[in-house]
Amino acid sequence: MYTNLDGWERTQTMDRYLDIRTLPQKPRWRQVVRTAEFVLAACDTPSDLRDRLEAALIKLRVLS
């Protein structure tokens, strides 16, 4: 995450991957995987969203 000059915090990579319309033509899948791994390592509290992220990461690894 980084902070723009206007003070807004933004993520560099993930925002583009959240909507099929803004998905890059040549996605940086390694960066996506590293970000997902970071989130999973930082958030060890069980939740539905964490489970969904973990499942999506497994699928991504199988496909690549």
PDB file of N, CA and C in Angstrom:
ATOM      1  N   MET A   1       0.853  -1.167   0.000  1.00  0.00           N
ATOM      2  CA  MET A   1       0.000   0.000   0.000  1.00  0.00           C
ATOM      3  C   MET A   1       0.901   1.232   0.000  1.00  0.00           C
ATOM      4  N   TYR A   2       0.442   2.261  -0.648  1.00  0.00           N
ATOM      5  CA  TYR A   2       1.185   3.507  -0.652  1.00  0.00           C
ATOM      6  C   TYR A   2       0.217   4.665  -0.467  1.00  0.00           C
ATOM      7  N   THR A   3       0.753   5.807  -0.099  1.00  0.00           N
ATOM      8  CA  THR A   3      -0.059   6.986   0.125  1.00  0.00           C
ATOM      9  C   THR A   3       0.214   8.001  -0.975  1.00  0.00           C
ATOM     10  N   ASN A   4      -0.836   8.434  -1.653  1.00  0.00           N
ATOM     11  CA  ASN A   4      -0.706   9.458  -2.688  1.00  0.00           C
ATOM     12  C   ASN A   4      -0.435  10.807  -2.050  1.00  0.00           C
ATOM     13  N   LEU A   5      -0.068  11.773  -2.869  1.00  0.00           N
ATOM     14  CA  LEU A   5       0.168  13.124  -2.365  1.00  0.00           C
ATOM     15  C   LEU A   5      -1.084  13.731  -1.744  1.00  0.00           C
ATOM     16  N   ASP A   6      -2.259  13.279  -2.201  1.00  0.00           N
ATOM     17  CA  ASP A   6      -3.501  13.803  -1.636  1.00  0.00           C
ATOM     18  C   ASP A   6      -3.869  13.151  -0.302  1.00  0.00           C
ATOM     19  N   GLY A   7      -3.028  12.197   0.159  1.00  0.00           N
ATOM     20  CA  GLY A   7      -3.249  11.571   1.455  1.00  0.00           C
ATOM     21  C   GLY A   7      -4.016  10.261   1.408  1.00  0.00           C
ATOM     22  N   TRP A   8      -4.560   9.890   0.238  1.00  0.00           N
ATOM     23  CA  TRP A   8      -5.309   8.640   0.114  1.00  0.00           C
ATOM     24  C   TRP A   8      -4.366   7.460   0.059  1.00  0.00           C
ATOM     25  N   GLU A   9      -4.681   6.424   0.825  1.00  0.00           N
ATOM     26  CA  GLU A   9      -3.894   5.194   0.778  1.00  0.00           C
ATOM     27  C   GLU A   9      -4.469   4.287  -0.296  1.00  0.00           C
ATOM     28  N   ARG A  10      -3.580   3.707  -1.095  1.00  0.00           N
ATOM     29  CA  ARG A  10      -4.024   2.832  -2.179  1.00  0.00           C
ATOM     30  C   ARG A  10      -3.096   1.639  -2.294  1.00  0.00           C
ATOM     31  N   THR A  11      -3.636   0.562  -2.823  1.00  0.00           N
ATOM     32  CA  THR A  11      -2.799  -0.595  -3.123  1.00  0.00           C
ATOM     33  C   THR A  11      -2.336  -0.466  -4.563  1.00  0.00           C
ATOM     34  N   GLN A  12      -1.116  -0.865  -4.836  1.00  0.00           N
ATOM     35  CA  GLN A  12      -0.584  -0.722  -6.179  1.00  0.00           C
ATOM     36  C   GLN A  12      -1.140  -1.766  -7.134  1.00  0.00           C
ATOM     37  N   THR A  13      -1.302  -2.973  -6.687  1.00  0.00           N
ATOM     38  CA  THR A  13      -1.600  -4.057  -7.611  1.00  0.00           C
ATOM     39  C   THR A  13      -3.023  -4.557  -7.527  1.00  0.00           C
ATOM     40  N   MET A  14      -3.494  -4.871  -6.375  1.00  0.00           N
ATOM     41  CA  MET A  14      -4.724  -5.626  -6.229  1.00  0.00           C
ATOM     42  C   MET A  14      -5.969  -4.923  -6.773  1.00  0.00           C
ATOM     43  N   ASP A  15      -6.030  -3.612  -6.694  1.00  0.00           N
ATOM     44  CA  ASP A  15      -7.223  -2.908  -7.167  1.00  0.00           C
ATOM     45  C   ASP A  15      -7.538  -3.239  -8.621  1.00  0.00           C
ATOM     46  N   ARG A  16      -6.526  -3.358  -9.438  1.00  0.00           N
ATOM     47  CA  ARG A  16      -6.749  -3.653 -10.861  1.00  0.00           C
ATOM     48  C   ARG A  16      -7.279  -5.056 -11.079  1.00  0.00           C
ATOM     49  N   TYR A  17      -7.042  -5.945 -10.144  1.00  0.00           N
ATOM     50  CA  TYR A  17      -7.420  -7.344 -10.294  1.00  0.00           C
ATOM     51  C   TYR A  17      -8.803  -7.662  -9.736  1.00  0.00           C
ATOM     52  N   LEU A  18      -9.443  -6.692  -9.131  1.00  0.00           N
ATOM     53  CA  LEU A  18     -10.724  -6.926  -8.480  1.00  0.00           C
ATOM     54  C   LEU A  18     -11.914  -6.807  -9.416  1.00  0.00           C
ATOM     55  N   ASP A  19     -11.694  -6.300 -10.618  1.00  0.00           N
ATOM     56  CA  ASP A  19     -12.783  -6.126 -11.579  1.00  0.00           C
ATOM     57  C   ASP A  19     -12.300  -6.606 -12.943  1.00  0.00           C
ATOM     58  N   ILE A  20     -13.079  -7.428 -13.595  1.00  0.00           N
ATOM     59  CA  ILE A  20     -12.693  -7.996 -14.885  1.00  0.00           C
ATOM     60  C   ILE A  20     -12.446  -6.899 -15.922  1.00  0.00           C
ATOM     61  N   ARG A  21     -13.108  -5.757 -15.784  1.00  0.00           N
ATOM     62  CA  ARG A  21     -12.935  -4.655 -16.745  1.00  0.00           C
ATOM     63  C   ARG A  21     -11.580  -3.975 -16.606  1.00  0.00           C
ATOM     64  N   THR A  22     -10.962  -4.038 -15.424  1.00  0.00           N
ATOM     65  CA  THR A  22      -9.682  -3.370 -15.207  1.00  0.00           C
ATOM     66  C   THR A  22      -8.518  -4.354 -15.108  1.00  0.00           C
ATOM     67  N   LEU A  23      -8.790  -5.621 -15.331  1.00  0.00           N
ATOM     68  CA  LEU A  23      -7.742  -6.638 -15.272  1.00  0.00           C
ATOM     69  C   LEU A  23      -6.718  -6.384 -16.379  1.00  0.00           C
ATOM     70  N   PRO A  24      -5.432  -6.298 -16.046  1.00  0.00           N
ATOM     71  CA  PRO A  24      -4.409  -6.062 -17.067  1.00  0.00           C
ATOM     72  C   PRO A  24      -4.356  -7.196 -18.093  1.00  0.00           C
ATOM     73  N   GLN A  25      -3.949  -6.877 -19.323  1.00  0.00           N
ATOM     74  CA  GLN A  25      -3.839  -7.902 -20.357  1.00  0.00           C
ATOM     75  C   GLN A  25      -2.764  -8.922 -20.007  1.00  0.00           C
ATOM     76  N   LYS A  26      -1.701  -8.473 -19.380  1.00  0.00           N
ATOM     77  CA  LYS A  26      -0.630  -9.378 -18.945  1.00  0.00           C
ATOM     78  C   LYS A  26      -0.484  -9.233 -17.429  1.00  0.00           C
ATOM     79  N   PRO A  27      -1.318  -9.939 -16.683  1.00  0.00           N
ATOM     80  CA  PRO A  27      -1.299  -9.814 -15.213  1.00  0.00           C
ATOM     81  C   PRO A  27       0.043 -10.249 -14.615  1.00  0.00           C
ATOM     82  N   ARG A  28       0.404  -9.630 -13.533  1.00  0.00           N
ATOM     83  CA  ARG A  28       1.618  -9.981 -12.787  1.00  0.00           C
ATOM     84  C   ARG A  28       1.217 -10.968 -11.696  1.00  0.00           C
ATOM     85  N   TRP A  29       1.050 -12.221 -12.108  1.00  0.00           N
ATOM     86  CA  TRP A  29       0.516 -13.239 -11.202  1.00  0.00           C
ATOM     87  C   TRP A  29       1.413 -13.484 -10.000  1.00  0.00           C
ATOM     88  N   ARG A  30       2.730 -13.393 -10.187  1.00  0.00           N
ATOM     89  CA  ARG A  30       3.627 -13.603  -9.031  1.00  0.00           C
ATOM     90  C   ARG A  30       3.376 -12.559  -7.947  1.00  0.00           C
ATOM     91  N   GLN A  31       3.138 -11.321  -8.380  1.00  0.00           N
ATOM     92  CA  GLN A  31       2.852 -10.254  -7.420  1.00  0.00           C
ATOM     93  C   GLN A  31       1.519 -10.507  -6.717  1.00  0.00           C
ATOM     94  N   VAL A  32       0.541 -10.991  -7.453  1.00  0.00           N
ATOM     95  CA  VAL A  32      -0.763 -11.314  -6.863  1.00  0.00           C
ATOM     96  C   VAL A  32      -0.598 -12.417  -5.817  1.00  0.00           C
ATOM     97  N   VAL A  33       0.176 -13.454  -6.170  1.00  0.00           N
ATOM     98  CA  VAL A  33       0.406 -14.562  -5.244  1.00  0.00           C
ATOM     99  C   VAL A  33       1.126 -14.063  -3.992  1.00  0.00           C
ATOM    100  N   ARG A  34       2.152 -13.245  -4.171  1.00  0.00           N
ATOM    101  CA  ARG A  34       2.896 -12.726  -3.004  1.00  0.00           C
ATOM    102  C   ARG A  34       1.993 -11.880  -2.113  1.00  0.00           C
ATOM    103  N   THR A  35       1.134 -11.083  -2.720  1.00  0.00           N
ATOM    104  CA  THR A  35       0.218 -10.255  -1.929  1.00  0.00           C
ATOM    105  C   THR A  35      -0.767 -11.121  -1.151  1.00  0.00           C
ATOM    106  N   ALA A  36      -1.315 -12.132  -1.812  1.00  0.00           N
ATOM    107  CA  ALA A  36      -2.251 -13.039  -1.132  1.00  0.00           C
ATOM    108  C   ALA A  36      -1.549 -13.774   0.012  1.00  0.00           C
ATOM    109  N   GLU A  37      -0.327 -14.221  -0.216  1.00  0.00           N
ATOM    110  CA  GLU A  37       0.436 -14.894   0.845  1.00  0.00           C
ATOM    111  C   GLU A  37       0.688 -13.960   2.017  1.00  0.00           C
ATOM    112  N   PHE A  38       0.991 -12.703   1.728  1.00  0.00           N
ATOM    113  CA  PHE A  38       1.212 -11.715   2.782  1.00  0.00           C
ATOM    114  C   PHE A  38      -0.054 -11.527   3.613  1.00  0.00           C
ATOM    115  N   VAL A  39      -1.186 -11.389   2.937  1.00  0.00           N
ATOM    116  CA  VAL A  39      -2.457 -11.197   3.645  1.00  0.00           C
ATOM    117  C   VAL A  39      -2.764 -12.402   4.521  1.00  0.00           C
ATOM    118  N   LEU A  40      -2.573 -13.594   3.985  1.00  0.00           N
ATOM    119  CA  LEU A  40      -2.852 -14.804   4.767  1.00  0.00           C
ATOM    120  C   LEU A  40      -1.919 -14.925   5.970  1.00  0.00           C
ATOM    121  N   ALA A  41      -0.669 -14.540   5.805  1.00  0.00           N
ATOM    122  CA  ALA A  41       0.281 -14.606   6.923  1.00  0.00           C
ATOM    123  C   ALA A  41      -0.036 -13.560   7.987  1.00  0.00           C
ATOM    124  N   ALA A  42      -0.504 -12.398   7.552  1.00  0.00           N
ATOM    125  CA  ALA A  42      -0.779 -11.306   8.490  1.00  0.00           C
ATOM    126  C   ALA A  42      -2.126 -11.475   9.191  1.00  0.00           C
ATOM    127  N   CYS A  43      -3.025 -12.204   8.586  1.00  0.00           N
ATOM    128  CA  CYS A  43      -4.374 -12.370   9.145  1.00  0.00           C
ATOM    129  C   CYS A  43      -4.583 -13.839   9.495  1.00  0.00           C
ATOM    130  N   ASP A  44      -4.339 -14.168  10.740  1.00  0.00           N
ATOM    131  CA  ASP A  44      -4.495 -15.572  11.145  1.00  0.00           C
ATOM    132  C   ASP A  44      -5.833 -15.845  11.827  1.00  0.00           C
ATOM    133  N   THR A  45      -6.706 -14.838  11.867  1.00  0.00           N
ATOM    134  CA  THR A  45      -8.030 -15.010  12.441  1.00  0.00           C
ATOM    135  C   THR A  45      -8.932 -15.742  11.441  1.00  0.00           C
ATOM    136  N   PRO A  46      -9.498 -16.866  11.834  1.00  0.00           N
ATOM    137  CA  PRO A  46     -10.371 -17.599  10.917  1.00  0.00           C
ATOM    138  C   PRO A  46     -11.573 -16.750  10.487  1.00  0.00           C
ATOM    139  N   SER A  47     -11.851 -16.779   9.195  1.00  0.00           N
ATOM    140  CA  SER A  47     -13.024 -16.076   8.669  1.00  0.00           C
ATOM    141  C   SER A  47     -13.371 -16.632   7.300  1.00  0.00           C
ATOM    142  N   ASP A  48     -14.574 -16.333   6.864  1.00  0.00           N
ATOM    143  CA  ASP A  48     -15.031 -16.753   5.537  1.00  0.00           C
ATOM    144  C   ASP A  48     -14.159 -16.159   4.436  1.00  0.00           C
ATOM    145  N   LEU A  49     -13.840 -14.863   4.573  1.00  0.00           N
ATOM    146  CA  LEU A  49     -13.030 -14.200   3.551  1.00  0.00           C
ATOM    147  C   LEU A  49     -11.624 -14.791   3.467  1.00  0.00           C
ATOM    148  N   ARG A  50     -11.059 -15.116   4.630  1.00  0.00           N
ATOM    149  CA  ARG A  50      -9.730 -15.719   4.639  1.00  0.00           C
ATOM    150  C   ARG A  50      -9.773 -17.077   3.948  1.00  0.00           C
ATOM    151  N   ASP A  51     -10.795 -17.852   4.214  1.00  0.00           N
ATOM    152  CA  ASP A  51     -10.955 -19.158   3.563  1.00  0.00           C
ATOM    153  C   ASP A  51     -11.104 -19.015   2.054  1.00  0.00           C
ATOM    154  N   ARG A  52     -11.880 -18.012   1.625  1.00  0.00           N
ATOM    155  CA  ARG A  52     -12.060 -17.784   0.191  1.00  0.00           C
ATOM    156  C   ARG A  52     -10.752 -17.379  -0.481  1.00  0.00           C
ATOM    157  N   LEU A  53      -9.973 -16.520   0.189  1.00  0.00           N
ATOM    158  CA  LEU A  53      -8.679 -16.108  -0.359  1.00  0.00           C
ATOM    159  C   LEU A  53      -7.738 -17.296  -0.460  1.00  0.00           C
ATOM    160  N   GLU A  54      -7.716 -18.114   0.565  1.00  0.00           N
ATOM    161  CA  GLU A  54      -6.860 -19.299   0.564  1.00  0.00           C
ATOM    162  C   GLU A  54      -7.250 -20.260  -0.566  1.00  0.00           C
ATOM    163  N   ALA A  55      -8.542 -20.470  -0.766  1.00  0.00           N
ATOM    164  CA  ALA A  55      -9.010 -21.349  -1.847  1.00  0.00           C
ATOM    165  C   ALA A  55      -8.666 -20.766  -3.216  1.00  0.00           C
ATOM    166  N   ALA A  56      -8.831 -19.458  -3.372  1.00  0.00           N
ATOM    167  CA  ALA A  56      -8.507 -18.814  -4.648  1.00  0.00           C
ATOM    168  C   ALA A  56      -7.009 -18.905  -4.932  1.00  0.00           C
ATOM    169  N   LEU A  57      -6.192 -18.779  -3.906  1.00  0.00           N
ATOM    170  CA  LEU A  57      -4.747 -18.891  -4.084  1.00  0.00           C
ATOM    171  C   LEU A  57      -4.360 -20.299  -4.512  1.00  0.00           C
ATOM    172  N   ILE A  58      -4.994 -21.293  -3.935  1.00  0.00           N
ATOM    173  CA  ILE A  58      -4.728 -22.689  -4.334  1.00  0.00           C
ATOM    174  C   ILE A  58      -5.101 -22.894  -5.800  1.00  0.00           C
ATOM    175  N   LYS A  59      -6.250 -22.381  -6.206  1.00  0.00           N
ATOM    176  CA  LYS A  59      -6.672 -22.503  -7.610  1.00  0.00           C
ATOM    177  C   LYS A  59      -5.691 -21.801  -8.545  1.00  0.00           C
ATOM    178  N   LEU A  60      -5.253 -20.627  -8.150  1.00  0.00           N
ATOM    179  CA  LEU A  60      -4.301 -19.864  -8.966  1.00  0.00           C
ATOM    180  C   LEU A  60      -2.992 -20.633  -9.133  1.00  0.00           C
ATOM    181  N   ARG A  61      -2.527 -21.231  -8.073  1.00  0.00           N
ATOM    182  CA  ARG A  61      -1.282 -22.014  -8.148  1.00  0.00           C
ATOM    183  C   ARG A  61      -1.434 -23.229  -9.071  1.00  0.00           C
ATOM    184  N   VAL A  62      -2.607 -23.851  -9.044  1.00  0.00           N
ATOM    185  CA  VAL A  62      -2.852 -25.018  -9.890  1.00  0.00           C
ATOM    186  C   VAL A  62      -2.887 -24.597 -11.363  1.00  0.00           C
ATOM    187  N   LEU A  63      -3.478 -23.436 -11.642  1.00  0.00           N
ATOM    188  CA  LEU A  63      -3.613 -22.974 -13.023  1.00  0.00           C
ATOM    189  C   LEU A  63      -2.310 -22.468 -13.622  1.00  0.00           C
ATOM    190  N   SER A  64      -1.411 -21.985 -12.782  1.00  0.00           N
ATOM    191  CA  SER A  64      -0.181 -21.405 -13.324  1.00  0.00           C
ATOM    192  C   SER A  64       0.973 -22.367 -13.354  1.00  0.00           C
TER     193      SER A  64
END
